[in-house]
C-alpha atoms as a PDB file:
ATOM      1  CA  UNK A   1      -3.582  40.803   8.105  1.00  0.00           C
ATOM      2  CA  UNK A   2      -4.378  44.384   9.084  1.00  0.00           C
ATOM      3  CA  UNK A   3      -5.581  45.360  12.554  1.00  0.00           C
ATOM      4  CA  UNK A   4      -9.125  45.925  11.320  1.00  0.00           C
ATOM      5  CA  UNK A   5      -9.317  42.535   9.620  1.00  0.00           C
ATOM      6  CA  UNK A   6      -7.833  40.929  12.724  1.00  0.00           C
ATOM      7  CA  UNK A   7     -10.529  42.655  14.745  1.00  0.00           C
ATOM      8  CA  UNK A   8     -13.128  41.269  12.347  1.00  0.00           C
ATOM      9  CA  UNK A   9     -11.716  37.790  12.819  1.00  0.00           C
ATOM     10  CA  UNK A  10     -12.002  38.115  16.589  1.00  0.00           C
ATOM     11  CA  UNK A  11     -15.651  39.140  16.254  1.00  0.00           C
ATOM     12  CA  UNK A  12     -16.293  36.101  14.077  1.00  0.00           C
ATOM     13  CA  UNK A  13     -14.632  33.827  16.622  1.00  0.00           C
ATOM     14  CA  UNK A  14     -16.666  35.376  19.449  1.00  0.00           C
ATOM     15  CA  UNK A  15     -19.863  34.508  17.609  1.00  0.00           C
ATOM     16  CA  UNK A  16     -18.652  30.971  16.862  1.00  0.00           C
ATOM     17  CA  UNK A  17     -18.941  31.254  13.091  1.00  0.00           C
ATOM     18  CA  UNK A  18     -17.965  28.235  11.035  1.00  0.00           C
ATOM     19  CA  UNK A  19     -14.353  28.049   9.885  1.00  0.00           C
ATOM     20  CA  UNK A  20     -15.372  28.166   6.226  1.00  0.00           C
ATOM     21  CA  UNK A  21     -17.525  31.259   6.820  1.00  0.00           C
ATOM     22  CA  UNK A  22     -14.721  32.995   8.669  1.00  0.00           C
ATOM     23  CA  UNK A  23     -12.304  32.266   5.848  1.00  0.00           C
ATOM     24  CA  UNK A  24     -14.740  33.617   3.235  1.00  0.00           C
ATOM     25  CA  UNK A  25     -15.560  36.788   5.192  1.00  0.00           C
ATOM     26  CA  UNK A  26     -11.896  37.586   5.801  1.00  0.00           C
ATOM     27  CA  UNK A  27     -11.046  37.044   2.131  1.00  0.00           C
ATOM     28  CA  UNK A  28     -13.842  39.416   1.101  1.00  0.00           C
ATOM     29  CA  UNK A  29     -12.652  42.083   3.538  1.00  0.00           C
ATOM     30  CA  UNK A  30      -9.113  41.792   2.196  1.00  0.00           C
ATOM     31  CA  UNK A  31     -10.385  41.942  -1.387  1.00  0.00           C
ATOM     32  CA  UNK A  32     -12.359  45.117  -0.652  1.00  0.00           C
ATOM     33  CA  UNK A  33      -9.332  46.664   1.054  1.00  0.00           C
ATOM     34  CA  UNK A  34      -7.177  46.020  -1.992  1.00  0.00           C
ATOM     35  CA  UNK A  35      -9.839  47.400  -4.296  1.00  0.00           C
ATOM     36  CA  UNK A  36     -10.256  50.622  -2.330  1.00  0.00           C
ATOM     37  CA  UNK A  37      -6.518  50.942  -1.517  1.00  0.00           C
ATOM     38  CA  UNK A  38      -7.354  52.726   1.747  1.00  0.00           C
ATOM     39  CA  UNK A  39      -8.335  51.847   5.280  1.00  0.00           C
ATOM     40  CA  UNK A  40     -11.634  50.015   5.470  1.00  0.00           C
ATOM     41  CA  UNK A  41     -12.991  52.252   8.220  1.00  0.00           C
ATOM     42  CA  UNK A  42     -12.545  55.250   5.903  1.00  0.00           C
ATOM     43  CA  UNK A  43     -14.705  53.842   3.125  1.00  0.00           C
ATOM     44  CA  UNK A  44     -18.147  55.357   2.545  1.00  0.00           C
ATOM     45  CA  UNK A  45     -21.378  54.462   0.687  1.00  0.00           C
ATOM     46  CA  UNK A  46     -19.976  55.604  -2.667  1.00  0.00           C
ATOM     47  CA  UNK A  47     -16.992  53.261  -2.373  1.00  0.00           C
ATOM     48  CA  UNK A  48     -19.238  50.369  -1.439  1.00  0.00           C
ATOM     49  CA  UNK A  49     -21.585  51.065  -4.346  1.00  0.00           C
ATOM     50  CA  UNK A  50     -18.709  51.145  -6.839  1.00  0.00           C
ATOM     51  CA  UNK A  51     -17.339  47.897  -5.393  1.00  0.00           C
ATOM     52  CA  UNK A  52     -20.685  46.139  -5.858  1.00  0.00           C
ATOM     53  CA  UNK A  53     -20.900  47.338  -9.448  1.00  0.00           C
ATOM     54  CA  UNK A  54     -17.321  46.168  -9.957  1.00  0.00           C
ATOM     55  CA  UNK A  55     -18.211  42.678  -8.766  1.00  0.00           C
ATOM     56  CA  UNK A  56     -21.260  42.370 -11.004  1.00  0.00           C
ATOM     57  CA  UNK A  57     -20.186  44.172 -14.191  1.00  0.00           C
ATOM     58  CA  UNK A  58     -16.411  43.869 -14.377  1.00  0.00           C
ATOM     59  CA  UNK A  59     -15.679  40.619 -12.571  1.00  0.00           C
ATOM     60  CA  UNK A  60     -19.045  39.171 -13.635  1.00  0.00           C
ATOM     61  CA  UNK A  61     -19.509  37.186 -10.438  1.00  0.00           C
ATOM     62  CA  UNK A  62     -22.680  35.221  -9.878  1.00  0.00           C
ATOM     63  CA  UNK A  63     -25.460  36.700  -7.794  1.00  0.00           C
ATOM     64  CA  UNK A  64     -24.971  34.171  -4.996  1.00  0.00           C
ATOM     65  CA  UNK A  65     -21.254  34.985  -4.853  1.00  0.00           C
ATOM     66  CA  UNK A  66     -21.974  38.702  -4.622  1.00  0.00           C
ATOM     67  CA  UNK A  67     -24.497  38.010  -1.864  1.00  0.00           C
ATOM     68  CA  UNK A  68     -21.729  36.354   0.176  1.00  0.00           C
ATOM     69  CA  UNK A  69     -19.544  39.415  -0.402  1.00  0.00           C
ATOM     70  CA  UNK A  70     -22.298  41.721   0.829  1.00  0.00           C
ATOM     71  CA  UNK A  71     -22.896  39.524   3.874  1.00  0.00           C
ATOM     72  CA  UNK A  72     -19.200  39.750   4.749  1.00  0.00           C
ATOM     73  CA  UNK A  73     -19.143  43.538   4.383  1.00  0.00           C
ATOM     74  CA  UNK A  74     -22.322  43.851   6.422  1.00  0.00           C
ATOM     75  CA  UNK A  75     -20.709  41.910   9.202  1.00  0.00           C
ATOM     76  CA  UNK A  76     -17.614  44.086   9.073  1.00  0.00           C
ATOM     77  CA  UNK A  77     -19.388  47.432   9.185  1.00  0.00           C
ATOM     78  CA  UNK A  78     -22.376  46.538  11.360  1.00  0.00           C
ATOM     79  CA  UNK A  79     -20.832  44.048  13.807  1.00  0.00           C
ATOM     80  CA  UNK A  80     -17.143  44.929  13.822  1.00  0.00           C
ATOM     81  CA  UNK A  81     -17.241  48.710  13.405  1.00  0.00           C
ATOM     82  CA  UNK A  82     -20.649  49.093  15.106  1.00  0.00           C
ATOM     83  CA  UNK A  83     -22.174  51.096  12.272  1.00  0.00           C
ATOM     84  CA  UNK A  84     -25.737  49.776  11.891  1.00  0.00           C
ATOM     85  CA  UNK A  85     -26.667  52.581   9.488  1.00  0.00           C
ATOM     86  CA  UNK A  86     -24.265  51.090   6.911  1.00  0.00           C
ATOM     87  CA  UNK A  87     -26.641  48.170   6.443  1.00  0.00           C
ATOM     88  CA  UNK A  88     -28.814  50.328   4.187  1.00  0.00           C
ATOM     89  CA  UNK A  89     -25.811  50.958   1.943  1.00  0.00           C
ATOM     90  CA  UNK A  90     -25.228  47.230   1.452  1.00  0.00           C
ATOM     91  CA  UNK A  91     -28.324  45.863  -0.296  1.00  0.00           C
ATOM     92  CA  UNK A  92     -28.362  42.297  -1.531  1.00  0.00           C
ATOM     93  CA  UNK A  93     -28.555  41.986  -5.332  1.00  0.00           C
ATOM     94  CA  UNK A  94     -31.827  40.778  -6.772  1.00  0.00           C
ATOM     95  CA  UNK A  95     -31.731  37.192  -7.951  1.00  0.00           C
ATOM     96  CA  UNK A  96     -33.858  36.664 -11.092  1.00  0.00           C
ATOM     97  CA  UNK A  97     -36.027  33.604 -11.043  1.00  0.00           C
ATOM     98  CA  UNK A  98     -35.079  30.932 -13.512  1.00  0.00           C
ATOM     99  CA  UNK A  99     -37.322  28.263 -14.892  1.00  0.00           C
ATOM    100  CA  UNK A 100     -36.782  25.085 -12.965  1.00  0.00           C
ATOM    101  CA  UNK A 101     -35.427  22.397 -15.234  1.00  0.00           C
ATOM    102  CA  UNK A 102     -36.575  18.828 -14.839  1.00  0.00           C
ATOM    103  CA  UNK A 103     -33.823  16.310 -14.088  1.00  0.00           C
ATOM    104  CA  UNK A 104     -32.662  13.969 -16.803  1.00  0.00           C
ATOM    105  CA  UNK A 105     -34.247  10.567 -16.367  1.00  0.00           C
ATOM    106  CA  UNK A 106     -32.245   7.618 -17.651  1.00  0.00           C
ATOM    107  CA  UNK A 107     -33.963   4.785 -19.441  1.00  0.00           C
ATOM    108  CA  UNK A 108     -33.609   1.242 -18.040  1.00  0.00           C
ATOM    109  CA  UNK A 109     -31.215   0.441 -20.889  1.00  0.00           C
ATOM    110  CA  UNK A 110     -29.022   3.463 -20.069  1.00  0.00           C
ATOM    111  CA  UNK A 111     -28.983   2.514 -16.385  1.00  0.00           C
ATOM    112  CA  UNK A 112     -27.986  -1.020 -17.285  1.00  0.00           C
ATOM    113  CA  UNK A 113     -25.118   0.206 -19.479  1.00  0.00           C
ATOM    114  CA  UNK A 114     -23.975   2.564 -16.740  1.00  0.00           C
ATOM    115  CA  UNK A 115     -23.816  -0.192 -14.131  1.00  0.00           C
ATOM    116  CA  UNK A 116     -22.217  -2.665 -16.554  1.00  0.00           C
ATOM    117  CA  UNK A 117     -19.436  -0.158 -17.249  1.00  0.00           C
ATOM    118  CA  UNK A 118     -17.939  -0.834 -13.798  1.00  0.00           C
ATOM    119  CA  UNK A 119     -14.322  -1.972 -14.039  1.00  0.00           C
ATOM    120  CA  UNK A 120     -14.577  -4.639 -11.356  1.00  0.00           C
ATOM    121  CA  UNK A 121     -17.076  -6.504  -9.206  1.00  0.00           C
ATOM    122  CA  UNK A 122     -16.525  -4.205  -6.239  1.00  0.00           C
ATOM    123  CA  UNK A 123     -17.498  -1.079  -8.224  1.00  0.00           C
ATOM    124  CA  UNK A 124     -20.360  -3.012  -9.799  1.00  0.00           C
ATOM    125  CA  UNK A 125     -21.819  -3.715  -6.350  1.00  0.00           C
ATOM    126  CA  UNK A 126     -21.421  -0.048  -5.355  1.00  0.00           C
ATOM    127  CA  UNK A 127     -23.259   1.229  -8.448  1.00  0.00           C
ATOM    128  CA  UNK A 128     -25.967  -1.371  -8.084  1.00  0.00           C
ATOM    129  CA  UNK A 129     -26.477  -0.442  -4.443  1.00  0.00           C
ATOM    130  CA  UNK A 130     -26.684   3.281  -5.190  1.00  0.00           C
ATOM    131  CA  UNK A 131     -29.281   2.773  -7.898  1.00  0.00           C
ATOM    132  CA  UNK A 132     -31.394   0.200  -6.072  1.00  0.00           C
ATOM    133  CA  UNK A 133     -31.501   2.117  -2.778  1.00  0.00           C
ATOM    134  CA  UNK A 134     -31.574   5.622  -4.262  1.00  0.00           C
ATOM    135  CA  UNK A 135     -28.505   6.682  -2.269  1.00  0.00           C
ATOM    136  CA  UNK A 136     -26.398   9.759  -2.736  1.00  0.00           C
ATOM    137  CA  UNK A 137     -22.644   9.422  -3.118  1.00  0.00           C
ATOM    138  CA  UNK A 138     -22.049  10.722   0.429  1.00  0.00           C
ATOM    139  CA  UNK A 139     -24.586   8.229   1.772  1.00  0.00           C
ATOM    140  CA  UNK A 140     -22.900   5.348   0.002  1.00  0.00           C
ATOM    141  CA  UNK A 141     -19.578   6.326   1.575  1.00  0.00           C
ATOM    142  CA  UNK A 142     -21.132   5.950   5.026  1.00  0.00           C
ATOM    143  CA  UNK A 143     -23.032   2.782   4.255  1.00  0.00           C
ATOM    144  CA  UNK A 144     -22.489  -0.173   6.600  1.00  0.00           C
ATOM    145  CA  UNK A 145     -22.670  -3.840   5.714  1.00  0.00           C
ATOM    146  CA  UNK A 146     -24.268  -5.934   8.428  1.00  0.00           C
ATOM    147  CA  UNK A 147     -23.356  -9.615   8.087  1.00  0.00           C
ATOM    148  CA  UNK A 148     -24.780 -12.584   9.887  1.00  0.00           C
ATOM    149  CA  UNK A 149     -24.406 -16.312   9.297  1.00  0.00           C
ATOM    150  CA  UNK A 150     -28.041 -17.054  10.077  1.00  0.00           C
ATOM    151  CA  UNK A 151     -29.551 -13.949   8.447  1.00  0.00           C
ATOM    152  CA  UNK A 152     -29.726 -12.760   4.881  1.00  0.00           C
ATOM    153  CA  UNK A 153     -27.445  -9.984   3.705  1.00  0.00           C
ATOM    154  CA  UNK A 154     -28.791  -6.466   4.104  1.00  0.00           C
ATOM    155  CA  UNK A 155     -27.473  -2.966   3.648  1.00  0.00           C
ATOM    156  CA  UNK A 156     -28.329  -0.228   6.150  1.00  0.00           C
ATOM    157  CA  UNK A 157     -27.535   3.448   5.772  1.00  0.00           C
ATOM    158  CA  UNK A 158     -26.750   5.329   8.982  1.00  0.00           C
ATOM    159  CA  UNK A 159     -26.483   8.708   7.275  1.00  0.00           C
ATOM    160  CA  UNK A 160     -30.043   9.915   7.858  1.00  0.00           C
ATOM    161  CA  UNK A 161     -32.593   9.181  10.566  1.00  0.00           C
ATOM    162  CA  UNK A 162     -34.357   6.786   8.259  1.00  0.00           C
ATOM    163  CA  UNK A 163     -32.747   3.428   7.502  1.00  0.00           C
ATOM    164  CA  UNK A 164     -32.783   1.965   4.057  1.00  0.00           C
ATOM    165  CA  UNK A 165     -32.757  -1.836   3.827  1.00  0.00           C
ATOM    166  CA  UNK A 166     -31.976  -3.291   0.469  1.00  0.00           C
ATOM    167  CA  UNK A 167     -32.945  -6.890  -0.070  1.00  0.00           C
ATOM    168  CA  UNK A 168     -32.497  -7.111  -3.797  1.00  0.00           C
ATOM    169  CA  UNK A 169     -31.338 -10.580  -4.818  1.00  0.00           C
ATOM    170  CA  UNK A 170     -28.988  -9.150  -7.444  1.00  0.00           C
ATOM    171  CA  UNK A 171     -27.281  -6.850  -4.942  1.00  0.00           C
ATOM    172  CA  UNK A 172     -26.912  -9.622  -2.380  1.00  0.00           C
ATOM    173  CA  UNK A 173     -25.411 -11.986  -4.904  1.00  0.00           C
ATOM    174  CA  UNK A 174     -22.821  -9.460  -6.042  1.00  0.00           C
ATOM    175  CA  UNK A 175     -22.009  -8.216  -2.553  1.00  0.00           C
ATOM    176  CA  UNK A 176     -21.050 -11.605  -1.153  1.00  0.00           C
ATOM    177  CA  UNK A 177     -17.931 -12.109  -3.309  1.00  0.00           C
ATOM    178  CA  UNK A 178     -16.723  -8.594  -2.468  1.00  0.00           C
ATOM    179  CA  UNK A 179     -17.007  -9.265   1.238  1.00  0.00           C
ATOM    180  CA  UNK A 180     -15.468 -12.722   1.049  1.00  0.00           C
ATOM    181  CA  UNK A 181     -12.443 -11.563  -0.908  1.00  0.00           C
ATOM    182  CA  UNK A 182     -12.002  -8.603   1.416  1.00  0.00           C
ATOM    183  CA  UNK A 183     -11.005  -6.125  -1.282  1.00  0.00           C
ATOM    184  CA  UNK A 184      -9.733  -3.210   0.777  1.00  0.00           C
ATOM    185  CA  UNK A 185     -11.993  -4.227   3.657  1.00  0.00           C
ATOM    186  CA  UNK A 186     -11.221  -5.781   7.018  1.00  0.00           C
ATOM    187  CA  UNK A 187     -13.453  -8.838   7.536  1.00  0.00           C
ATOM    188  CA  UNK A 188     -15.521  -7.757  10.529  1.00  0.00           C
ATOM    189  CA  UNK A 189     -19.176  -8.331  11.443  1.00  0.00           C
ATOM    190  CA  UNK A 190     -19.817  -4.634  10.609  1.00  0.00           C
ATOM    191  CA  UNK A 191     -17.637  -2.663   8.201  1.00  0.00           C
ATOM    192  CA  UNK A 192     -17.888   0.019   5.549  1.00  0.00           C
ATOM    193  CA  UNK A 193     -19.271  -0.965   2.182  1.00  0.00           C
ATOM    194  CA  UNK A 194     -16.921   1.508   0.486  1.00  0.00           C
ATOM    195  CA  UNK A 195     -13.587   1.279   2.352  1.00  0.00           C
ATOM    196  CA  UNK A 196     -10.761   3.659   1.488  1.00  0.00           C
ATOM    197  CA  UNK A 197      -7.093   3.135   0.749  1.00  0.00           C
ATOM    198  CA  UNK A 198      -5.967   3.464   4.382  1.00  0.00           C
ATOM    199  CA  UNK A 199      -8.741   1.462   5.965  1.00  0.00           C
ATOM    200  CA  UNK A 200     -11.166   4.370   6.138  1.00  0.00           C
ATOM    201  CA  UNK A 201     -14.113   5.166   3.924  1.00  0.00           C
ATOM    202  CA  UNK A 202     -13.834   6.354   0.352  1.00  0.00           C
ATOM    203  CA  UNK A 203     -13.800  10.146  -0.016  1.00  0.00           C
ATOM    204  CA  UNK A 204     -17.269  11.648  -0.394  1.00  0.00           C
ATOM    205  CA  UNK A 205     -16.025  14.110  -2.996  1.00  0.00           C
ATOM    206  CA  UNK A 206     -13.964  11.719  -5.111  1.00  0.00           C
ATOM    207  CA  UNK A 207     -14.598   8.000  -4.623  1.00  0.00           C
ATOM    208  CA  UNK A 208     -12.089   5.660  -6.213  1.00  0.00           C
END
């Protein structure tokens, strides 16, 4: 890491940028340095313009990706090097409007086949819960199962401010065996519906 990029990192830390944003900005600065093969503080508007064209025409990056590159370079020149005039030399690329496509709606028969394709009863209950409650995958991973001897089974999601309560008879009937057998789940009054391998919740990005 060069002194200038280290200085950029310090400015990012001072402003409490997110770790992912810092990592992206520093990678962009390093990429621009390698492209120009000179010190970053010696680059001018012509170098920046050629770099933007390089990203769009030669590397064929998406518009949103190029926007993140421009944001990183703006931060470097405007915030780190204190050159506010450079902002005019770093325009964001225009994003053409695309026709919004309607989502694919499954028929009841397709939904039934999808749920029936579960390999075991535990996965069957998870799919049935997601469909009945309209939950996202990340919401399912944080779902809690509240059990009570005197009360009926219910599922409550603590992900958002709103609380979904599912009282479908089919979900309740298929959730009871999963809880009784304790497949990957510690039998407690409140536990995760989708427990992970080590006692935690299933990964939001890749549930198993």
